[in-house]
Amino acid sequence: MRTKTSTTRLSRAELVSLSNDIRLACMRISRRVRFESDRELPPHQFSVLARLEGAHRTNSELAEIEQVSAPSMKRTTSALVEAGYVARADDPTDGRQVILSLTSEGRKVLRRIRRHRDEWLLARFETLSDEERELLQQAAAVLAKVATK
């Protein structure tokens, strides 16, 4: 691929190629961070713990957020309750609902997994040159901008 200066615009085909390359790289990094950095908890269970970190939720709310079926979410949260990471409580306003929240052990495991994931990625960054790390720092800001649009 040819190097572009700040005054040269990418063609449509080059933008399509770039978007494909970035999407694939982000997906691969995300997958590797999830599956290779820690074996303590399956990714779908980790995601539910993360969703409960900021607020108590019902199974229905979690299923909608995670875009899974209600029975699937119930199985996931039941496993997390059994592991001691999530607590159940009756909803005071709706007796048909159960409110789910993180336990102190759930918070600990969430922090531990995040630390493992950060360390996994940090180990890879340490193998890069200073110039590559600087480029990644710039790219992180641009990718954050893309993600908010």
N, C-alpha and C. Protein backbone atom coordinates (compact mmCIF):
# COMPACT_ATOMS: atom_id res chain seq x y z
N MET A 1 0.84 -1.18 0.00
CA MET A 1 0.00 0.00 0.00
C MET A 1 0.89 1.24 0.00
N ARG A 2 0.53 2.20 -0.76
CA ARG A 2 1.34 3.40 -0.85
C ARG A 2 1.11 4.30 0.37
N THR A 3 2.12 5.07 0.72
CA THR A 3 2.04 5.98 1.84
C THR A 3 1.32 7.25 1.41
N LYS A 4 0.43 7.70 2.28
CA LYS A 4 -0.34 8.91 1.98
C LYS A 4 0.20 10.08 2.78
N THR A 5 0.22 11.24 2.18
CA THR A 5 0.55 12.46 2.92
C THR A 5 -0.75 13.07 3.39
N SER A 6 -0.64 14.10 4.22
CA SER A 6 -1.85 14.71 4.76
C SER A 6 -2.71 15.39 3.69
N THR A 7 -2.15 15.64 2.52
CA THR A 7 -2.91 16.30 1.47
C THR A 7 -3.46 15.32 0.44
N THR A 8 -3.09 14.05 0.52
CA THR A 8 -3.54 13.06 -0.44
C THR A 8 -4.75 12.32 0.14
N ARG A 9 -5.81 12.22 -0.65
CA ARG A 9 -7.02 11.54 -0.19
C ARG A 9 -7.02 10.10 -0.66
N LEU A 10 -7.56 9.23 0.18
CA LEU A 10 -7.70 7.82 -0.20
C LEU A 10 -8.85 7.67 -1.17
N SER A 11 -8.68 6.78 -2.12
CA SER A 11 -9.78 6.48 -3.04
C SER A 11 -10.83 5.66 -2.29
N ARG A 12 -11.99 5.53 -2.89
CA ARG A 12 -13.07 4.72 -2.30
C ARG A 12 -12.60 3.28 -2.08
N ALA A 13 -11.92 2.70 -3.06
CA ALA A 13 -11.42 1.32 -2.93
C ALA A 13 -10.41 1.21 -1.80
N GLU A 14 -9.56 2.21 -1.62
CA GLU A 14 -8.58 2.19 -0.53
C GLU A 14 -9.27 2.33 0.83
N LEU A 15 -10.33 3.15 0.88
CA LEU A 15 -11.09 3.28 2.13
C LEU A 15 -11.80 1.97 2.48
N VAL A 16 -12.34 1.30 1.49
CA VAL A 16 -13.00 0.01 1.71
C VAL A 16 -11.98 -0.99 2.24
N SER A 17 -10.81 -1.03 1.63
CA SER A 17 -9.75 -1.93 2.06
C SER A 17 -9.29 -1.60 3.49
N LEU A 18 -9.14 -0.32 3.78
CA LEU A 18 -8.73 0.11 5.12
C LEU A 18 -9.78 -0.27 6.16
N SER A 19 -11.05 -0.04 5.86
CA SER A 19 -12.10 -0.37 6.82
C SER A 19 -12.13 -1.87 7.08
N ASN A 20 -11.92 -2.67 6.05
CA ASN A 20 -11.88 -4.12 6.21
C ASN A 20 -10.69 -4.51 7.09
N ASP A 21 -9.52 -3.95 6.81
CA ASP A 21 -8.31 -4.27 7.58
C ASP A 21 -8.48 -3.90 9.06
N ILE A 22 -9.01 -2.71 9.32
CA ILE A 22 -9.20 -2.25 10.70
C ILE A 22 -10.23 -3.12 11.41
N ARG A 23 -11.34 -3.41 10.74
CA ARG A 23 -12.38 -4.25 11.35
C ARG A 23 -11.82 -5.62 11.73
N LEU A 24 -11.10 -6.24 10.81
CA LEU A 24 -10.53 -7.56 11.08
C LEU A 24 -9.51 -7.52 12.21
N ALA A 25 -8.65 -6.50 12.21
CA ALA A 25 -7.64 -6.38 13.27
C ALA A 25 -8.31 -6.19 14.63
N CYS A 26 -9.32 -5.34 14.69
CA CYS A 26 -10.04 -5.12 15.96
C CYS A 26 -10.72 -6.40 16.43
N MET A 27 -11.33 -7.12 15.51
CA MET A 27 -12.00 -8.38 15.87
C MET A 27 -11.00 -9.40 16.39
N ARG A 28 -9.86 -9.51 15.72
CA ARG A 28 -8.85 -10.49 16.14
C ARG A 28 -8.28 -10.15 17.51
N ILE A 29 -7.99 -8.87 17.73
CA ILE A 29 -7.47 -8.46 19.03
C ILE A 29 -8.50 -8.72 20.11
N SER A 30 -9.74 -8.34 19.85
CA SER A 30 -10.80 -8.55 20.83
C SER A 30 -10.96 -10.03 21.17
N ARG A 31 -10.97 -10.87 20.16
CA ARG A 31 -11.12 -12.31 20.36
C ARG A 31 -9.95 -12.87 21.16
N ARG A 32 -8.74 -12.47 20.79
CA ARG A 32 -7.56 -13.00 21.49
C ARG A 32 -7.51 -12.52 22.93
N VAL A 33 -7.85 -11.27 23.17
CA VAL A 33 -7.86 -10.76 24.54
C VAL A 33 -8.88 -11.54 25.37
N ARG A 34 -10.05 -11.80 24.79
CA ARG A 34 -11.09 -12.53 25.52
C ARG A 34 -10.71 -13.97 25.80
N PHE A 35 -10.17 -14.66 24.81
CA PHE A 35 -9.97 -16.10 24.94
C PHE A 35 -8.58 -16.51 25.41
N GLU A 36 -7.57 -15.69 25.16
CA GLU A 36 -6.22 -16.11 25.50
C GLU A 36 -5.70 -15.50 26.79
N SER A 37 -6.26 -14.40 27.22
CA SER A 37 -5.72 -13.72 28.38
C SER A 37 -6.18 -14.32 29.69
N ASP A 38 -7.29 -15.02 29.67
CA ASP A 38 -7.83 -15.52 30.93
C ASP A 38 -8.80 -16.66 30.67
N ARG A 39 -8.67 -17.69 31.44
CA ARG A 39 -9.55 -18.85 31.30
C ARG A 39 -10.50 -19.00 32.48
N GLU A 40 -10.54 -18.00 33.33
CA GLU A 40 -11.31 -18.09 34.56
C GLU A 40 -12.82 -18.10 34.33
N LEU A 41 -13.27 -17.35 33.33
CA LEU A 41 -14.70 -17.18 33.11
C LEU A 41 -14.97 -17.08 31.62
N PRO A 42 -16.00 -17.76 31.11
CA PRO A 42 -16.33 -17.63 29.69
C PRO A 42 -16.68 -16.17 29.36
N PRO A 43 -16.38 -15.74 28.13
CA PRO A 43 -16.63 -14.34 27.76
C PRO A 43 -18.06 -13.87 27.99
N HIS A 44 -19.05 -14.72 27.73
CA HIS A 44 -20.44 -14.27 27.91
C HIS A 44 -20.75 -14.02 29.39
N GLN A 45 -20.15 -14.79 30.28
CA GLN A 45 -20.36 -14.57 31.71
C GLN A 45 -19.63 -13.31 32.17
N PHE A 46 -18.43 -13.10 31.66
CA PHE A 46 -17.70 -11.87 31.98
C PHE A 46 -18.52 -10.65 31.55
N SER A 47 -19.10 -10.71 30.37
CA SER A 47 -19.88 -9.59 29.85
C SER A 47 -21.05 -9.27 30.77
N VAL A 48 -21.71 -10.28 31.28
CA VAL A 48 -22.83 -10.06 32.20
C VAL A 48 -22.34 -9.42 33.49
N LEU A 49 -21.22 -9.90 34.03
CA LEU A 49 -20.67 -9.27 35.23
C LEU A 49 -20.39 -7.79 34.98
N ALA A 50 -19.80 -7.49 33.83
CA ALA A 50 -19.50 -6.10 33.49
C ALA A 50 -20.78 -5.27 33.39
N ARG A 51 -21.84 -5.84 32.87
CA ARG A 51 -23.13 -5.12 32.76
C ARG A 51 -23.73 -4.85 34.13
N LEU A 52 -23.44 -5.73 35.09
CA LEU A 52 -23.98 -5.56 36.44
C LEU A 52 -23.13 -4.64 37.30
N GLU A 53 -21.95 -4.31 36.82
CA GLU A 53 -21.05 -3.49 37.61
C GLU A 53 -21.64 -2.11 37.92
N GLY A 54 -22.29 -1.52 36.96
CA GLY A 54 -22.81 -0.17 37.14
C GLY A 54 -24.22 -0.08 37.66
N ALA A 55 -24.98 -1.17 37.56
CA ALA A 55 -26.39 -1.11 37.96
C ALA A 55 -26.94 -2.51 38.19
N HIS A 56 -27.92 -2.58 39.08
CA HIS A 56 -28.66 -3.82 39.25
C HIS A 56 -29.58 -3.97 38.05
N ARG A 57 -29.77 -5.20 37.59
CA ARG A 57 -30.60 -5.43 36.41
C ARG A 57 -31.40 -6.72 36.56
N THR A 58 -32.42 -6.83 35.72
CA THR A 58 -33.20 -8.07 35.65
C THR A 58 -32.62 -8.95 34.54
N ASN A 59 -33.03 -10.22 34.55
CA ASN A 59 -32.63 -11.12 33.45
C ASN A 59 -33.10 -10.57 32.11
N SER A 60 -34.30 -10.03 32.07
CA SER A 60 -34.85 -9.48 30.82
C SER A 60 -34.01 -8.32 30.31
N GLU A 61 -33.62 -7.43 31.21
CA GLU A 61 -32.78 -6.29 30.80
C GLU A 61 -31.44 -6.78 30.27
N LEU A 62 -30.84 -7.73 30.97
CA LEU A 62 -29.56 -8.27 30.53
C LEU A 62 -29.68 -8.97 29.18
N ALA A 63 -30.75 -9.73 29.00
CA ALA A 63 -30.96 -10.43 27.73
C ALA A 63 -31.08 -9.43 26.58
N GLU A 64 -31.78 -8.34 26.83
CA GLU A 64 -31.93 -7.32 25.78
C GLU A 64 -30.60 -6.64 25.48
N ILE A 65 -29.86 -6.29 26.52
CA ILE A 65 -28.56 -5.63 26.33
C ILE A 65 -27.60 -6.54 25.59
N GLU A 66 -27.55 -7.80 25.98
CA GLU A 66 -26.61 -8.75 25.39
C GLU A 66 -27.14 -9.38 24.10
N GLN A 67 -28.39 -9.09 23.77
CA GLN A 67 -29.03 -9.60 22.56
C GLN A 67 -29.02 -11.13 22.50
N VAL A 68 -29.50 -11.71 23.60
CA VAL A 68 -29.67 -13.17 23.67
C VAL A 68 -31.08 -13.44 24.15
N SER A 69 -31.50 -14.69 24.06
CA SER A 69 -32.83 -15.05 24.52
C SER A 69 -32.91 -15.01 26.05
N ALA A 70 -34.10 -14.83 26.57
CA ALA A 70 -34.30 -14.80 28.02
C ALA A 70 -33.87 -16.13 28.66
N PRO A 71 -34.23 -17.29 28.09
CA PRO A 71 -33.77 -18.55 28.70
C PRO A 71 -32.24 -18.69 28.73
N SER A 72 -31.59 -18.22 27.68
CA SER A 72 -30.13 -18.26 27.63
C SER A 72 -29.54 -17.38 28.73
N MET A 73 -30.09 -16.20 28.91
CA MET A 73 -29.59 -15.30 29.95
C MET A 73 -29.85 -15.88 31.32
N LYS A 74 -31.00 -16.53 31.49
CA LYS A 74 -31.30 -17.14 32.79
C LYS A 74 -30.27 -18.21 33.13
N ARG A 75 -29.86 -19.01 32.14
CA ARG A 75 -28.83 -20.03 32.38
C ARG A 75 -27.50 -19.37 32.76
N THR A 76 -27.17 -18.30 32.06
CA THR A 76 -25.91 -17.59 32.34
C THR A 76 -25.92 -17.02 33.75
N THR A 77 -26.98 -16.32 34.11
CA THR A 77 -27.02 -15.70 35.44
C THR A 77 -27.13 -16.74 36.54
N SER A 78 -27.80 -17.85 36.27
CA SER A 78 -27.88 -18.93 37.27
C SER A 78 -26.49 -19.48 37.57
N ALA A 79 -25.68 -19.65 36.52
CA ALA A 79 -24.31 -20.13 36.71
C ALA A 79 -23.50 -19.12 37.52
N LEU A 80 -23.72 -17.83 37.27
CA LEU A 80 -23.00 -16.80 38.02
C LEU A 80 -23.45 -16.72 39.47
N VAL A 81 -24.73 -16.95 39.71
CA VAL A 81 -25.25 -17.00 41.08
C VAL A 81 -24.64 -18.20 41.80
N GLU A 82 -24.63 -19.34 41.14
CA GLU A 82 -24.07 -20.57 41.72
C GLU A 82 -22.59 -20.40 42.05
N ALA A 83 -21.86 -19.66 41.22
CA ALA A 83 -20.44 -19.42 41.45
C ALA A 83 -20.19 -18.39 42.56
N GLY A 84 -21.25 -17.70 42.97
CA GLY A 84 -21.11 -16.69 44.02
C GLY A 84 -20.75 -15.31 43.53
N TYR A 85 -20.85 -15.09 42.22
CA TYR A 85 -20.48 -13.80 41.63
C TYR A 85 -21.66 -12.83 41.52
N VAL A 86 -22.86 -13.37 41.53
CA VAL A 86 -24.08 -12.56 41.37
C VAL A 86 -25.06 -12.96 42.46
N ALA A 87 -25.80 -11.97 42.97
CA ALA A 87 -26.84 -12.20 43.97
C ALA A 87 -28.20 -11.90 43.37
N ARG A 88 -29.18 -12.67 43.80
CA ARG A 88 -30.57 -12.44 43.38
C ARG A 88 -31.34 -11.81 44.54
N ALA A 89 -32.28 -10.93 44.19
CA ALA A 89 -33.19 -10.34 45.18
C ALA A 89 -34.53 -10.10 44.51
N ASP A 90 -35.60 -10.25 45.26
CA ASP A 90 -36.93 -9.99 44.72
C ASP A 90 -37.07 -8.50 44.41
N ASP A 91 -37.71 -8.21 43.29
CA ASP A 91 -37.98 -6.82 42.91
C ASP A 91 -39.09 -6.31 43.83
N PRO A 92 -38.85 -5.22 44.56
CA PRO A 92 -39.87 -4.73 45.50
C PRO A 92 -41.12 -4.16 44.82
N THR A 93 -41.01 -3.82 43.54
CA THR A 93 -42.16 -3.23 42.85
C THR A 93 -42.87 -4.22 41.93
N ASP A 94 -42.22 -5.35 41.62
CA ASP A 94 -42.80 -6.34 40.72
C ASP A 94 -42.38 -7.74 41.18
N GLY A 95 -43.28 -8.41 41.84
CA GLY A 95 -42.98 -9.73 42.41
C GLY A 95 -42.60 -10.78 41.38
N ARG A 96 -42.87 -10.53 40.11
CA ARG A 96 -42.50 -11.50 39.06
C ARG A 96 -41.05 -11.37 38.65
N GLN A 97 -40.42 -10.26 39.01
CA GLN A 97 -39.05 -9.99 38.58
C GLN A 97 -38.04 -10.29 39.69
N VAL A 98 -36.84 -10.62 39.27
CA VAL A 98 -35.72 -10.80 40.18
C VAL A 98 -34.65 -9.79 39.79
N ILE A 99 -34.11 -9.12 40.79
CA ILE A 99 -33.06 -8.13 40.56
C ILE A 99 -31.71 -8.82 40.80
N LEU A 100 -30.81 -8.63 39.84
CA LEU A 100 -29.48 -9.24 39.93
C LEU A 100 -28.44 -8.16 40.21
N SER A 101 -27.47 -8.49 41.05
CA SER A 101 -26.40 -7.55 41.38
C SER A 101 -25.10 -8.30 41.60
N LEU A 102 -24.01 -7.59 41.48
CA LEU A 102 -22.70 -8.19 41.72
C LEU A 102 -22.48 -8.40 43.21
N THR A 103 -21.85 -9.51 43.55
CA THR A 103 -21.39 -9.72 44.92
C THR A 103 -19.98 -9.17 45.03
N SER A 104 -19.44 -9.12 46.22
CA SER A 104 -18.05 -8.66 46.37
C SER A 104 -17.11 -9.60 45.62
N GLU A 105 -17.41 -10.90 45.62
CA GLU A 105 -16.57 -11.85 44.87
C GLU A 105 -16.70 -11.60 43.37
N GLY A 106 -17.88 -11.24 42.90
CA GLY A 106 -18.08 -10.90 41.49
C GLY A 106 -17.25 -9.70 41.10
N ARG A 107 -17.19 -8.69 41.98
CA ARG A 107 -16.37 -7.51 41.71
C ARG A 107 -14.88 -7.87 41.65
N LYS A 108 -14.47 -8.75 42.55
CA LYS A 108 -13.07 -9.19 42.57
C LYS A 108 -12.71 -9.91 41.28
N VAL A 109 -13.55 -10.83 40.85
CA VAL A 109 -13.24 -11.60 39.63
C VAL A 109 -13.25 -10.68 38.41
N LEU A 110 -14.13 -9.72 38.38
CA LEU A 110 -14.19 -8.75 37.27
C LEU A 110 -12.88 -7.95 37.21
N ARG A 111 -12.43 -7.45 38.36
CA ARG A 111 -11.16 -6.71 38.39
C ARG A 111 -9.99 -7.61 37.99
N ARG A 112 -9.99 -8.85 38.48
CA ARG A 112 -8.89 -9.78 38.19
C ARG A 112 -8.82 -10.08 36.68
N ILE A 113 -9.95 -10.34 36.07
CA ILE A 113 -9.97 -10.65 34.64
C ILE A 113 -9.54 -9.44 33.82
N ARG A 114 -10.03 -8.27 34.18
CA ARG A 114 -9.62 -7.06 33.47
C ARG A 114 -8.11 -6.85 33.58
N ARG A 115 -7.57 -7.09 34.78
CA ARG A 115 -6.12 -6.96 34.96
C ARG A 115 -5.37 -7.95 34.08
N HIS A 116 -5.84 -9.19 34.02
CA HIS A 116 -5.21 -10.20 33.16
C HIS A 116 -5.26 -9.78 31.69
N ARG A 117 -6.40 -9.25 31.27
CA ARG A 117 -6.55 -8.82 29.88
C ARG A 117 -5.61 -7.66 29.56
N ASP A 118 -5.54 -6.70 30.49
CA ASP A 118 -4.63 -5.57 30.28
C ASP A 118 -3.18 -6.05 30.22
N GLU A 119 -2.81 -6.98 31.11
CA GLU A 119 -1.45 -7.49 31.14
C GLU A 119 -1.13 -8.26 29.86
N TRP A 120 -2.10 -9.00 29.35
CA TRP A 120 -1.90 -9.76 28.10
C TRP A 120 -1.57 -8.79 26.96
N LEU A 121 -2.36 -7.73 26.85
CA LEU A 121 -2.14 -6.76 25.79
C LEU A 121 -0.85 -5.96 26.02
N LEU A 122 -0.59 -5.60 27.26
CA LEU A 122 0.63 -4.87 27.59
C LEU A 122 1.87 -5.66 27.17
N ALA A 123 1.86 -6.97 27.39
CA ALA A 123 3.00 -7.80 27.01
C ALA A 123 3.26 -7.71 25.50
N ARG A 124 2.22 -7.61 24.71
CA ARG A 124 2.38 -7.49 23.26
C ARG A 124 2.88 -6.10 22.89
N PHE A 125 2.40 -5.07 23.59
CA PHE A 125 2.84 -3.71 23.32
C PHE A 125 4.32 -3.54 23.66
N GLU A 126 4.79 -4.26 24.65
CA GLU A 126 6.19 -4.14 25.05
C GLU A 126 7.15 -4.65 23.98
N THR A 127 6.66 -5.46 23.06
CA THR A 127 7.51 -5.97 21.98
C THR A 127 7.61 -5.00 20.81
N LEU A 128 6.83 -3.94 20.84
CA LEU A 128 6.80 -2.97 19.74
C LEU A 128 7.86 -1.89 19.94
N SER A 129 8.22 -1.25 18.86
CA SER A 129 9.16 -0.12 18.93
C SER A 129 8.44 1.10 19.52
N ASP A 130 9.24 2.08 19.94
CA ASP A 130 8.66 3.32 20.45
C ASP A 130 7.78 3.99 19.39
N GLU A 131 8.23 3.92 18.13
CA GLU A 131 7.46 4.53 17.04
C GLU A 131 6.13 3.83 16.84
N GLU A 132 6.14 2.50 16.94
CA GLU A 132 4.90 1.74 16.78
C GLU A 132 3.94 2.04 17.93
N ARG A 133 4.47 2.16 19.15
CA ARG A 133 3.61 2.48 20.30
C ARG A 133 3.02 3.88 20.17
N GLU A 134 3.82 4.81 19.67
CA GLU A 134 3.31 6.17 19.45
C GLU A 134 2.20 6.16 18.40
N LEU A 135 2.40 5.38 17.35
CA LEU A 135 1.39 5.25 16.31
C LEU A 135 0.10 4.64 16.88
N LEU A 136 0.24 3.64 17.73
CA LEU A 136 -0.94 3.04 18.37
C LEU A 136 -1.66 4.04 19.27
N GLN A 137 -0.90 4.87 19.95
CA GLN A 137 -1.50 5.90 20.79
C GLN A 137 -2.36 6.84 19.94
N GLN A 138 -1.84 7.23 18.80
CA GLN A 138 -2.60 8.09 17.89
C GLN A 138 -3.82 7.34 17.34
N ALA A 139 -3.61 6.08 16.96
CA ALA A 139 -4.70 5.28 16.40
C ALA A 139 -5.81 5.08 17.43
N ALA A 140 -5.44 4.90 18.69
CA ALA A 140 -6.45 4.71 19.75
C ALA A 140 -7.39 5.91 19.82
N ALA A 141 -6.84 7.10 19.70
CA ALA A 141 -7.67 8.30 19.73
C ALA A 141 -8.60 8.36 18.52
N VAL A 142 -8.08 8.00 17.36
CA VAL A 142 -8.90 8.01 16.13
C VAL A 142 -9.97 6.94 16.22
N LEU A 143 -9.63 5.74 16.68
CA LEU A 143 -10.62 4.66 16.79
C LEU A 143 -11.70 5.01 17.81
N ALA A 144 -11.33 5.67 18.89
CA ALA A 144 -12.34 6.12 19.86
C ALA A 144 -13.30 7.09 19.21
N LYS A 145 -12.78 7.96 18.37
CA LYS A 145 -13.62 8.91 17.64
C LYS A 145 -14.57 8.19 16.69
N VAL A 146 -14.05 7.19 15.97
CA VAL A 146 -14.88 6.39 15.06
C VAL A 146 -15.99 5.69 15.83
N ALA A 147 -15.65 5.16 17.01
CA ALA A 147 -16.62 4.40 17.80
C ALA A 147 -17.75 5.26 18.33
N THR A 148 -17.54 6.56 18.47
CA THR A 148 -18.58 7.44 19.00
C THR A 148 -19.48 8.04 17.94
N LYS A 149 -19.17 7.81 16.68
CA LYS A 149 -19.98 8.40 15.60
C LYS A 149 -21.15 7.52 15.27
